[in-house]
PDB file of N, CA and C in Angstrom:
ATOM      1  N   MET A   1     134.888  23.814  -8.384  1.00  0.00           N
ATOM      2  CA  MET A   1     134.387  25.128  -8.459  1.00  0.00           C
ATOM      3  C   MET A   1     134.300  25.569  -9.909  1.00  0.00           C
ATOM      4  N   GLY A   2     133.858  24.675 -10.696  1.00  0.00           N
ATOM      5  CA  GLY A   2     133.736  24.997 -12.103  1.00  0.00           C
ATOM      6  C   GLY A   2     132.433  25.716 -12.393  1.00  0.00           C
ATOM      7  N   SER A   3     132.311  26.083 -13.583  1.00  0.00           N
ATOM      8  CA  SER A   3     131.091  26.782 -13.984  1.00  0.00           C
ATOM      9  C   SER A   3     129.982  25.771 -14.246  1.00  0.00           C
ATOM     10  N   LYS A   4     128.782  26.248 -14.198  1.00  0.00           N
ATOM     11  CA  LYS A   4     127.627  25.393 -14.426  1.00  0.00           C
ATOM     12  C   LYS A   4     127.556  25.068 -15.915  1.00  0.00           C
ATOM     13  N   THR A   5     127.429  23.796 -16.213  1.00  0.00           N
ATOM     14  CA  THR A   5     127.363  23.400 -17.617  1.00  0.00           C
ATOM     15  C   THR A   5     125.969  23.648 -18.164  1.00  0.00           C
ATOM     16  N   LYS A   6     125.907  23.827 -19.433  1.00  0.00           N
ATOM     17  CA  LYS A   6     124.634  24.081 -20.093  1.00  0.00           C
ATOM     18  C   LYS A   6     123.829  22.784 -20.116  1.00  0.00           C
ATOM     19  N   LYS A   7     122.524  22.890 -19.799  1.00  0.00           N
ATOM     20  CA  LYS A   7     121.654  21.720 -19.806  1.00  0.00           C
ATOM     21  C   LYS A   7     121.359  21.312 -21.237  1.00  0.00           C
ATOM     22  N   SER A   8     121.076  20.035 -21.384  1.00  0.00           N
ATOM     23  CA  SER A   8     120.722  19.549 -22.714  1.00  0.00           C
ATOM     24  C   SER A   8     119.336  20.067 -23.089  1.00  0.00           C
ATOM     25  N   ILE A   9     119.021  20.014 -24.342  1.00  0.00           N
ATOM     26  CA  ILE A   9     117.728  20.511 -24.824  1.00  0.00           C
ATOM     27  C   ILE A   9     116.586  19.712 -24.199  1.00  0.00           C
ATOM     28  N   ALA A  10     116.734  18.407 -24.097  1.00  0.00           N
ATOM     29  CA  ALA A  10     115.696  17.561 -23.511  1.00  0.00           C
ATOM     30  C   ALA A  10     115.464  17.927 -22.050  1.00  0.00           C
ATOM     31  N   ALA A  11     116.535  18.182 -21.307  1.00  0.00           N
ATOM     32  CA  ALA A  11     116.409  18.555 -19.901  1.00  0.00           C
ATOM     33  C   ALA A  11     115.713  19.900 -19.761  1.00  0.00           C
ATOM     34  N   MET A  12     116.023  20.842 -20.649  1.00  0.00           N
ATOM     35  CA  MET A  12     115.375  22.151 -20.594  1.00  0.00           C
ATOM     36  C   MET A  12     113.886  22.043 -20.926  1.00  0.00           C
ATOM     37  N   GLU A  13     113.534  21.184 -21.894  1.00  0.00           N
ATOM     38  CA  GLU A  13     112.129  20.992 -22.247  1.00  0.00           C
ATOM     39  C   GLU A  13     111.353  20.384 -21.084  1.00  0.00           C
ATOM     40  N   LYS A  14     111.942  19.382 -20.438  1.00  0.00           N
ATOM     41  CA  LYS A  14     111.287  18.752 -19.293  1.00  0.00           C
ATOM     42  C   LYS A  14     111.059  19.754 -18.174  1.00  0.00           C
ATOM     43  N   GLU A  15     112.042  20.592 -17.903  1.00  0.00           N
ATOM     44  CA  GLU A  15     111.918  21.602 -16.862  1.00  0.00           C
ATOM     45  C   GLU A  15     110.814  22.603 -17.209  1.00  0.00           C
ATOM     46  N   GLN A  16     110.742  22.976 -18.478  1.00  0.00           N
ATOM     47  CA  GLN A  16     109.728  23.919 -18.928  1.00  0.00           C
ATOM     48  C   GLN A  16     108.330  23.308 -18.771  1.00  0.00           C
ATOM     49  N   GLU A  17     108.175  22.040 -19.136  1.00  0.00           N
ATOM     50  CA  GLU A  17     106.891  21.355 -18.993  1.00  0.00           C
ATOM     51  C   GLU A  17     106.496  21.237 -17.524  1.00  0.00           C
ATOM     52  N   ARG A  18     107.452  20.921 -16.669  1.00  0.00           N
ATOM     53  CA  ARG A  18     107.193  20.797 -15.239  1.00  0.00           C
ATOM     54  C   ARG A  18     106.688  22.112 -14.653  1.00  0.00           C
ATOM     55  N   LYS A  19     107.316  23.212 -15.051  1.00  0.00           N
ATOM     56  CA  LYS A  19     106.901  24.528 -14.560  1.00  0.00           C
ATOM     57  C   LYS A  19     105.502  24.881 -15.046  1.00  0.00           C
ATOM     58  N   ALA A  20     105.188  24.530 -16.283  1.00  0.00           N
ATOM     59  CA  ALA A  20     103.855  24.801 -16.829  1.00  0.00           C
ATOM     60  C   ALA A  20     102.792  24.006 -16.071  1.00  0.00           C
ATOM     61  N   GLU A  21     103.099  22.755 -15.744  1.00  0.00           N
ATOM     62  CA  GLU A  21     102.161  21.931 -14.984  1.00  0.00           C
ATOM     63  C   GLU A  21     101.956  22.483 -13.581  1.00  0.00           C
ATOM     64  N   GLU A  22     103.002  22.953 -12.952  1.00  0.00           N
ATOM     65  CA  GLU A  22     102.892  23.534 -11.616  1.00  0.00           C
ATOM     66  C   GLU A  22     102.005  24.772 -11.636  1.00  0.00           C
ATOM     67  N   GLU A  23     102.148  25.594 -12.657  1.00  0.00           N
ATOM     68  CA  GLU A  23     101.321  26.793 -12.766  1.00  0.00           C
ATOM     69  C   GLU A  23      99.855  26.429 -12.958  1.00  0.00           C
ATOM     70  N   LYS A  24      99.594  25.401 -13.772  1.00  0.00           N
ATOM     71  CA  LYS A  24      98.217  24.959 -13.989  1.00  0.00           C
ATOM     72  C   LYS A  24      97.613  24.430 -12.698  1.00  0.00           C
ATOM     73  N   SER A  25      98.387  23.652 -11.950  1.00  0.00           N
ATOM     74  CA  SER A  25      97.867  23.102 -10.703  1.00  0.00           C
ATOM     75  C   SER A  25      97.607  24.206  -9.682  1.00  0.00           C
ATOM     76  N   LYS A  26      98.443  25.240  -9.671  1.00  0.00           N
ATOM     77  CA  LYS A  26      98.215  26.370  -8.770  1.00  0.00           C
ATOM     78  C   LYS A  26      96.943  27.105  -9.143  1.00  0.00           C
ATOM     79  N   GLU A  27      96.696  27.263 -10.443  1.00  0.00           N
ATOM     80  CA  GLU A  27      95.481  27.928 -10.897  1.00  0.00           C
ATOM     81  C   GLU A  27      94.253  27.112 -10.520  1.00  0.00           C
ATOM     82  N   LYS A  28      94.339  25.792 -10.660  1.00  0.00           N
ATOM     83  CA  LYS A  28      93.216  24.936 -10.297  1.00  0.00           C
ATOM     84  C   LYS A  28      92.938  25.015  -8.804  1.00  0.00           C
ATOM     85  N   LYS A  29      93.993  24.993  -7.998  1.00  0.00           N
ATOM     86  CA  LYS A  29      93.820  25.074  -6.555  1.00  0.00           C
ATOM     87  C   LYS A  29      93.219  26.411  -6.160  1.00  0.00           C
ATOM     88  N   ALA A  30      93.633  27.468  -6.816  1.00  0.00           N
ATOM     89  CA  ALA A  30      93.089  28.789  -6.520  1.00  0.00           C
ATOM     90  C   ALA A  30      91.621  28.846  -6.917  1.00  0.00           C
ATOM     91  N   GLY A  31      91.249  28.198  -7.995  1.00  0.00           N
ATOM     92  CA  GLY A  31      89.858  28.165  -8.439  1.00  0.00           C
ATOM     93  C   GLY A  31      88.988  27.355  -7.500  1.00  0.00           C
ATOM     94  N   LYS A  32      89.525  26.273  -6.972  1.00  0.00           N
ATOM     95  CA  LYS A  32      88.764  25.430  -6.056  1.00  0.00           C
ATOM     96  C   LYS A  32      88.555  26.110  -4.712  1.00  0.00           C
ATOM     97  N   ALA A  33      89.498  26.910  -4.289  1.00  0.00           N
ATOM     98  CA  ALA A  33      89.394  27.565  -2.988  1.00  0.00           C
ATOM     99  C   ALA A  33      88.240  28.557  -2.972  1.00  0.00           C
ATOM    100  N   GLY A  34      87.912  29.133  -4.112  1.00  0.00           N
ATOM    101  CA  GLY A  34      86.850  30.125  -4.176  1.00  0.00           C
ATOM    102  C   GLY A  34      85.460  29.517  -4.122  1.00  0.00           C
ATOM    103  N   LYS A  35      85.329  28.274  -4.559  1.00  0.00           N
ATOM    104  CA  LYS A  35      84.020  27.632  -4.582  1.00  0.00           C
ATOM    105  C   LYS A  35      83.756  26.952  -3.240  1.00  0.00           C
ATOM    106  N   PRO A  36      82.593  27.165  -2.646  1.00  0.00           N
ATOM    107  CA  PRO A  36      82.285  26.460  -1.406  1.00  0.00           C
ATOM    108  C   PRO A  36      81.915  25.009  -1.704  1.00  0.00           C
ATOM    109  N   SER A  37      82.372  24.130  -0.879  1.00  0.00           N
ATOM    110  CA  SER A  37      82.062  22.719  -1.041  1.00  0.00           C
ATOM    111  C   SER A  37      80.637  22.459  -0.589  1.00  0.00           C
ATOM    112  N   ARG A  38      79.905  21.649  -1.340  1.00  0.00           N
ATOM    113  CA  ARG A  38      78.518  21.393  -0.958  1.00  0.00           C
ATOM    114  C   ARG A  38      78.455  20.515   0.290  1.00  0.00           C
ATOM    115  N   TYR A  39      79.513  19.760   0.560  1.00  0.00           N
ATOM    116  CA  TYR A  39      79.520  18.934   1.753  1.00  0.00           C
ATOM    117  C   TYR A  39      79.917  19.740   2.984  1.00  0.00           C
ATOM    118  N   ALA A  40      80.737  20.754   2.803  1.00  0.00           N
ATOM    119  CA  ALA A  40      81.167  21.574   3.926  1.00  0.00           C
ATOM    120  C   ALA A  40      80.006  22.380   4.488  1.00  0.00           C
ATOM    121  N   THR A  41      79.080  22.786   3.635  1.00  0.00           N
ATOM    122  CA  THR A  41      77.943  23.576   4.095  1.00  0.00           C
ATOM    123  C   THR A  41      76.808  22.697   4.579  1.00  0.00           C
ATOM    124  N   GLY A  42      76.904  21.391   4.328  1.00  0.00           N
ATOM    125  CA  GLY A  42      75.849  20.493   4.764  1.00  0.00           C
ATOM    126  C   GLY A  42      74.678  20.462   3.800  1.00  0.00           C
ATOM    127  N   GLN A  43      74.811  21.038   2.641  1.00  0.00           N
ATOM    128  CA  GLN A  43      73.738  21.057   1.661  1.00  0.00           C
ATOM    129  C   GLN A  43      74.053  20.055   0.570  1.00  0.00           C
ATOM    130  N   PHE A  44      73.086  19.220   0.250  1.00  0.00           N
ATOM    131  CA  PHE A  44      73.229  18.339  -0.891  1.00  0.00           C
ATOM    132  C   PHE A  44      71.847  18.124  -1.478  1.00  0.00           C
ATOM    133  N   SER A  45      71.795  17.923  -2.749  1.00  0.00           N
ATOM    134  CA  SER A  45      70.512  17.753  -3.408  1.00  0.00           C
ATOM    135  C   SER A  45      70.373  16.307  -3.852  1.00  0.00           C
ATOM    136  N   LEU A  46      69.195  15.790  -3.693  1.00  0.00           N
ATOM    137  CA  LEU A  46      68.905  14.438  -4.124  1.00  0.00           C
ATOM    138  C   LEU A  46      68.072  14.503  -5.389  1.00  0.00           C
ATOM    139  N   THR A  47      68.343  13.612  -6.297  1.00  0.00           N
ATOM    140  CA  THR A  47      67.588  13.599  -7.535  1.00  0.00           C
ATOM    141  C   THR A  47      66.312  12.783  -7.408  1.00  0.00           C
ATOM    142  N   VAL A  48      66.189  12.063  -6.334  1.00  0.00           N
ATOM    143  CA  VAL A  48      65.030  11.211  -6.135  1.00  0.00           C
ATOM    144  C   VAL A  48      64.173  11.807  -5.027  1.00  0.00           C
ATOM    145  N   ARG A  49      62.918  11.939  -5.290  1.00  0.00           N
ATOM    146  CA  ARG A  49      62.026  12.473  -4.266  1.00  0.00           C
ATOM    147  C   ARG A  49      61.677  11.361  -3.281  1.00  0.00           C
ATOM    148  N   GLU A  50      61.511  11.742  -2.035  1.00  0.00           N
ATOM    149  CA  GLU A  50      61.295  10.739  -0.992  1.00  0.00           C
ATOM    150  C   GLU A  50      59.980   9.994  -1.173  1.00  0.00           C
ATOM    151  N   GLU A  51      58.944  10.681  -1.669  1.00  0.00           N
ATOM    152  CA  GLU A  51      57.655  10.013  -1.868  1.00  0.00           C
ATOM    153  C   GLU A  51      57.786   8.901  -2.909  1.00  0.00           C
ATOM    154  N   GLU A  52      58.500   9.204  -3.991  1.00  0.00           N
ATOM    155  CA  GLU A  52      58.724   8.195  -5.028  1.00  0.00           C
ATOM    156  C   GLU A  52      59.568   7.050  -4.486  1.00  0.00           C
ATOM    157  N   ALA A  53      60.525   7.383  -3.655  1.00  0.00           N
ATOM    158  CA  ALA A  53      61.399   6.360  -3.082  1.00  0.00           C
ATOM    159  C   ALA A  53      60.612   5.428  -2.169  1.00  0.00           C
ATOM    160  N   ILE A  54      59.721   5.987  -1.375  1.00  0.00           N
ATOM    161  CA  ILE A  54      58.928   5.156  -0.466  1.00  0.00           C
ATOM    162  C   ILE A  54      58.061   4.192  -1.261  1.00  0.00           C
ATOM    163  N   GLN A  55      57.448   4.682  -2.335  1.00  0.00           N
ATOM    164  CA  GLN A  55      56.609   3.816  -3.163  1.00  0.00           C
ATOM    165  C   GLN A  55      57.431   2.707  -3.812  1.00  0.00           C
ATOM    166  N   ALA A  56      58.647   3.016  -4.209  1.00  0.00           N
ATOM    167  CA  ALA A  56      59.496   2.011  -4.845  1.00  0.00           C
ATOM    168  C   ALA A  56      60.073   1.028  -3.831  1.00  0.00           C
ATOM    169  N   LEU A  57      60.286   1.485  -2.599  1.00  0.00           N
ATOM    170  CA  LEU A  57      60.933   0.638  -1.595  1.00  0.00           C
ATOM    171  C   LEU A  57      59.946  -0.145  -0.732  1.00  0.00           C
ATOM    172  N   ALA A  58      58.698   0.286  -0.660  1.00  0.00           N
ATOM    173  CA  ALA A  58      57.722  -0.362   0.212  1.00  0.00           C
ATOM    174  C   ALA A  58      57.545  -1.853  -0.086  1.00  0.00           C
ATOM    175  N   PRO A  59      57.489  -2.281  -1.343  1.00  0.00           N
ATOM    176  CA  PRO A  59      57.306  -3.718  -1.585  1.00  0.00           C
ATOM    177  C   PRO A  59      58.529  -4.579  -1.253  1.00  0.00           C
ATOM    178  N   LEU A  60      59.698  -3.966  -1.088  1.00  0.00           N
ATOM    179  CA  LEU A  60      60.900  -4.744  -0.799  1.00  0.00           C
ATOM    180  C   LEU A  60      60.845  -5.295   0.619  1.00  0.00           C
ATOM    181  N   LYS A  61      61.254  -6.541   0.764  1.00  0.00           N
ATOM    182  CA  LYS A  61      61.263  -7.168   2.085  1.00  0.00           C
ATOM    183  C   LYS A  61      62.362  -6.576   2.956  1.00  0.00           C
ATOM    184  N   ALA A  62      63.552  -6.434   2.390  1.00  0.00           N
ATOM    185  CA  ALA A  62      64.686  -5.843   3.101  1.00  0.00           C
ATOM    186  C   ALA A  62      65.220  -4.693   2.259  1.00  0.00           C
ATOM    187  N   ILE A  63      65.289  -3.519   2.841  1.00  0.00           N
ATOM    188  CA  ILE A  63      65.782  -2.344   2.134  1.00  0.00           C
ATOM    189  C   ILE A  63      67.257  -2.185   2.481  1.00  0.00           C
ATOM    190  N   THR A  64      68.103  -2.408   1.494  1.00  0.00           N
ATOM    191  CA  THR A  64      69.544  -2.258   1.677  1.00  0.00           C
ATOM    192  C   THR A  64      70.050  -1.152   0.760  1.00  0.00           C
ATOM    193  N   LEU A  65      71.292  -0.783   0.955  1.00  0.00           N
ATOM    194  CA  LEU A  65      71.891   0.282   0.158  1.00  0.00           C
ATOM    195  C   LEU A  65      71.872  -0.060  -1.329  1.00  0.00           C
ATOM    196  N   TYR A  66      72.393  -1.216  -1.687  1.00  0.00           N
ATOM    197  CA  TYR A  66      72.495  -1.575  -3.096  1.00  0.00           C
ATOM    198  C   TYR A  66      71.147  -1.971  -3.684  1.00  0.00           C
ATOM    199  N   GLY A  67      70.265  -2.526  -2.870  1.00  0.00           N
ATOM    200  CA  GLY A  67      68.911  -2.812  -3.343  1.00  0.00           C
ATOM    201  C   GLY A  67      68.161  -1.536  -3.671  1.00  0.00           C
ATOM    202  N   THR A  68      68.371  -0.516  -2.851  1.00  0.00           N
ATOM    203  CA  THR A  68      67.752   0.787  -3.094  1.00  0.00           C
ATOM    204  C   THR A  68      68.306   1.414  -4.360  1.00  0.00           C
ATOM    205  N   ALA A  69      69.609   1.348  -4.531  1.00  0.00           N
ATOM    206  CA  ALA A  69      70.233   1.923  -5.724  1.00  0.00           C
ATOM    207  C   ALA A  69      69.709   1.250  -6.987  1.00  0.00           C
ATOM    208  N   LYS A  70      69.551  -0.053  -6.945  1.00  0.00           N
ATOM    209  CA  LYS A  70      69.067  -0.782  -8.111  1.00  0.00           C
ATOM    210  C   LYS A  70      67.592  -0.488  -8.368  1.00  0.00           C
ATOM    211  N   ALA A  71      66.785  -0.432  -7.310  1.00  0.00           N
ATOM    212  CA  ALA A  71      65.352  -0.185  -7.466  1.00  0.00           C
ATOM    213  C   ALA A  71      65.071   1.212  -8.000  1.00  0.00           C
ATOM    214  N   LEU A  72      65.871   2.185  -7.584  1.00  0.00           N
ATOM    215  CA  LEU A  72      65.645   3.570  -8.001  1.00  0.00           C
ATOM    216  C   LEU A  72      66.452   3.949  -9.236  1.00  0.00           C
ATOM    217  N   GLY A  73      67.417   3.129  -9.606  1.00  0.00           N
ATOM    218  CA  GLY A  73      68.240   3.416 -10.775  1.00  0.00           C
ATOM    219  C   GLY A  73      69.205   4.565 -10.563  1.00  0.00           C
ATOM    220  N   VAL A  74      69.770   4.657  -9.357  1.00  0.00           N
ATOM    221  CA  VAL A  74      70.724   5.720  -9.038  1.00  0.00           C
ATOM    222  C   VAL A  74      72.013   5.089  -8.538  1.00  0.00           C
ATOM    223  N   LYS A  75      73.035   5.917  -8.347  1.00  0.00           N
ATOM    224  CA  LYS A  75      74.306   5.440  -7.811  1.00  0.00           C
ATOM    225  C   LYS A  75      74.154   5.105  -6.335  1.00  0.00           C
ATOM    226  N   ALA A  76      75.059   4.286  -5.837  1.00  0.00           N
ATOM    227  CA  ALA A  76      75.023   3.872  -4.436  1.00  0.00           C
ATOM    228  C   ALA A  76      75.232   5.058  -3.502  1.00  0.00           C
ATOM    229  N   SER A  77      76.028   6.038  -3.902  1.00  0.00           N
ATOM    230  CA  SER A  77      76.261   7.198  -3.040  1.00  0.00           C
ATOM    231  C   SER A  77      74.985   8.014  -2.865  1.00  0.00           C
ATOM    232  N   VAL A  78      74.188   8.131  -3.930  1.00  0.00           N
ATOM    233  CA  VAL A  78      72.916   8.853  -3.841  1.00  0.00           C
ATOM    234  C   VAL A  78      71.943   8.067  -2.976  1.00  0.00           C
ATOM    235  N   ALA A  79      71.913   6.749  -3.169  1.00  0.00           N
ATOM    236  CA  ALA A  79      71.033   5.904  -2.372  1.00  0.00           C
ATOM    237  C   ALA A  79      71.421   5.959  -0.898  1.00  0.00           C
ATOM    238  N   SER A  80      72.707   6.009  -0.609  1.00  0.00           N
ATOM    239  CA  SER A  80      73.174   6.095   0.770  1.00  0.00           C
ATOM    240  C   SER A  80      72.697   7.381   1.425  1.00  0.00           C
ATOM    241  N   GLY A  81      72.837   8.487   0.735  1.00  0.00           N
ATOM    242  CA  GLY A  81      72.370   9.766   1.268  1.00  0.00           C
ATOM    243  C   GLY A  81      70.869   9.786   1.470  1.00  0.00           C
ATOM    244  N   LEU A  82      70.141   9.187   0.541  1.00  0.00           N
ATOM    245  CA  LEU A  82      68.686   9.130   0.645  1.00  0.00           C
ATOM    246  C   LEU A  82      68.260   8.293   1.842  1.00  0.00           C
ATOM    247  N   LEU A  83      68.855   7.108   1.998  1.00  0.00           N
ATOM    248  CA  LEU A  83      68.504   6.247   3.131  1.00  0.00           C
ATOM    249  C   LEU A  83      68.847   6.912   4.455  1.00  0.00           C
ATOM    250  N   ARG A  84      69.994   7.564   4.515  1.00  0.00           N
ATOM    251  CA  ARG A  84      70.410   8.232   5.745  1.00  0.00           C
ATOM    252  C   ARG A  84      69.442   9.362   6.110  1.00  0.00           C
ATOM    253  N   SER A  85      69.058  10.165   5.115  1.00  0.00           N
ATOM    254  CA  SER A  85      68.157  11.279   5.411  1.00  0.00           C
ATOM    255  C   SER A  85      66.768  10.778   5.793  1.00  0.00           C
ATOM    256  N   MET A  86      66.307   9.712   5.140  1.00  0.00           N
ATOM    257  CA  MET A  86      64.995   9.160   5.483  1.00  0.00           C
ATOM    258  C   MET A  86      65.019   8.532   6.874  1.00  0.00           C
ATOM    259  N   TYR A  87      66.142   7.941   7.258  1.00  0.00           N
ATOM    260  CA  TYR A  87      66.272   7.372   8.597  1.00  0.00           C
ATOM    261  C   TYR A  87      66.265   8.477   9.652  1.00  0.00           C
ATOM    262  N   GLU A  88      66.984   9.566   9.378  1.00  0.00           N
ATOM    263  CA  GLU A  88      67.043  10.674  10.332  1.00  0.00           C
ATOM    264  C   GLU A  88      65.693  11.359  10.489  1.00  0.00           C
ATOM    265  N   LYS A  89      64.880  11.353   9.437  1.00  0.00           N
ATOM    266  CA  LYS A  89      63.549  11.963   9.496  1.00  0.00           C
ATOM    267  C   LYS A  89      62.520  11.034  10.127  1.00  0.00           C
ATOM    268  N   GLY A  90      62.880   9.772  10.329  1.00  0.00           N
ATOM    269  CA  GLY A  90      61.973   8.831  10.964  1.00  0.00           C
ATOM    270  C   GLY A  90      61.090   8.078   9.988  1.00  0.00           C
ATOM    271  N   ILE A  91      61.357   8.182   8.710  1.00  0.00           N
ATOM    272  CA  ILE A  91      60.565   7.471   7.711  1.00  0.00           C
ATOM    273  C   ILE A  91      60.956   6.000   7.680  1.00  0.00           C
ATOM    274  N   LEU A  92      62.240   5.727   7.852  1.00  0.00           N
ATOM    275  CA  LEU A  92      62.751   4.361   7.872  1.00  0.00           C
ATOM    276  C   LEU A  92      63.251   4.017   9.264  1.00  0.00           C
ATOM    277  N   GLU A  93      63.300   2.719   9.548  1.00  0.00           N
ATOM    278  CA  GLU A  93      63.905   2.268  10.797  1.00  0.00           C
ATOM    279  C   GLU A  93      64.889   1.149  10.480  1.00  0.00           C
ATOM    280  N   ARG A  94      65.934   1.069  11.278  1.00  0.00           N
ATOM    281  CA  ARG A  94      66.928   0.018  11.092  1.00  0.00           C
ATOM    282  C   ARG A  94      66.438  -1.245  11.782  1.00  0.00           C
ATOM    283  N   VAL A  95      66.463  -2.333  11.049  1.00  0.00           N
ATOM    284  CA  VAL A  95      66.016  -3.597  11.623  1.00  0.00           C
ATOM    285  C   VAL A  95      67.139  -4.616  11.695  1.00  0.00           C
ATOM    286  N   GLY A  96      68.300  -4.282  11.184  1.00  0.00           N
ATOM    287  CA  GLY A  96      69.412  -5.217  11.232  1.00  0.00           C
ATOM    288  C   GLY A  96      70.638  -4.639  10.573  1.00  0.00           C
ATOM    289  N   GLY A  97      71.649  -5.475  10.499  1.00  0.00           N
ATOM    290  CA  GLY A  97      72.894  -5.065   9.868  1.00  0.00           C
ATOM    291  C   GLY A  97      73.840  -4.442  10.864  1.00  0.00           C
ATOM    292  N   ARG A  98      75.058  -4.215  10.395  1.00  0.00           N
ATOM    293  CA  ARG A  98      76.062  -3.591  11.245  1.00  0.00           C
ATOM    294  C   ARG A  98      77.181  -3.041  10.384  1.00  0.00           C
ATOM    295  N   SER A  99      77.968  -2.199  10.958  1.00  0.00           N
ATOM    296  CA  SER A  99      79.173  -1.661  10.346  1.00  0.00           C
ATOM    297  C   SER A  99      78.915  -1.034   8.979  1.00  0.00           C
ATOM    298  N   GLY A 100      77.875  -0.221   8.892  1.00  0.00           N
ATOM    299  CA  GLY A 100      77.593   0.495   7.658  1.00  0.00           C
ATOM    300  C   GLY A 100      76.727  -0.253   6.669  1.00  0.00           C
ATOM    301  N   ARG A 101      76.498  -1.528   6.886  1.00  0.00           N
ATOM    302  CA  ARG A 101      75.644  -2.316   5.989  1.00  0.00           C
ATOM    303  C   ARG A 101      74.327  -2.597   6.710  1.00  0.00           C
ATOM    304  N   TYR A 102      73.521  -1.567   6.776  1.00  0.00           N
ATOM    305  CA  TYR A 102      72.285  -1.668   7.532  1.00  0.00           C
ATOM    306  C   TYR A 102      71.145  -2.175   6.662  1.00  0.00           C
ATOM    307  N   ILE A 103      70.169  -2.753   7.330  1.00  0.00           N
ATOM    308  CA  ILE A 103      68.943  -3.190   6.683  1.00  0.00           C
ATOM    309  C   ILE A 103      67.830  -2.337   7.267  1.00  0.00           C
ATOM    310  N   TYR A 104      67.064  -1.724   6.392  1.00  0.00           N
ATOM    311  CA  TYR A 104      66.010  -0.814   6.811  1.00  0.00           C
ATOM    312  C   TYR A 104      64.652  -1.404   6.471  1.00  0.00           C
ATOM    313  N   SER A 105      63.629  -0.864   7.121  1.00  0.00           N
ATOM    314  CA  SER A 105      62.250  -1.143   6.743  1.00  0.00           C
ATOM    315  C   SER A 105      61.470   0.157   6.881  1.00  0.00           C
ATOM    316  N   VAL A 106      60.367   0.241   6.151  1.00  0.00           N
ATOM    317  CA  VAL A 106      59.540   1.440   6.214  1.00  0.00           C
ATOM    318  C   VAL A 106      58.808   1.423   7.546  1.00  0.00           C
ATOM    319  N   ARG A 107      58.906   2.504   8.281  1.00  0.00           N
ATOM    320  CA  ARG A 107      58.260   2.605   9.584  1.00  0.00           C
ATOM    321  C   ARG A 107      56.758   2.719   9.382  1.00  0.00           C
ATOM    322  N   LYS A 108      56.026   1.890  10.088  1.00  0.00           N
ATOM    323  CA  LYS A 108      54.565   1.908   9.981  1.00  0.00           C
ATOM    324  C   LYS A 108      54.010   2.990  10.883  1.00  0.00           C
ATOM    325  N   LYS A 109      53.038   3.695  10.366  1.00  0.00           N
ATOM    326  CA  LYS A 109      52.463   4.824  11.118  1.00  0.00           C
ATOM    327  C   LYS A 109      51.414   4.394  12.084  1.00  0.00           C
TER     328      LYS A 109
END
């Protein structure tokens, strides 16, 4: 039942730094809560227009995720969103693949 001993200077500095980091993380979390997520609202913007994508992808024999990304010069995540939206609109059709690695072709009108 003794008294609490005084902390060393190093221990006090570490505690002070820890508290400062916690405050910063709380501020960041509070800032993030105010901004709506673009995925939560279902809105996302593509940097590649679909007409340009069709022209670039039409000569390809097999349209894959990474082939599309390389042909258009974009990241795979952007190419994935583009292929998915074009498939949902009926511009592309799946001709093969499985488990997320699909092969597409341009649907003939």
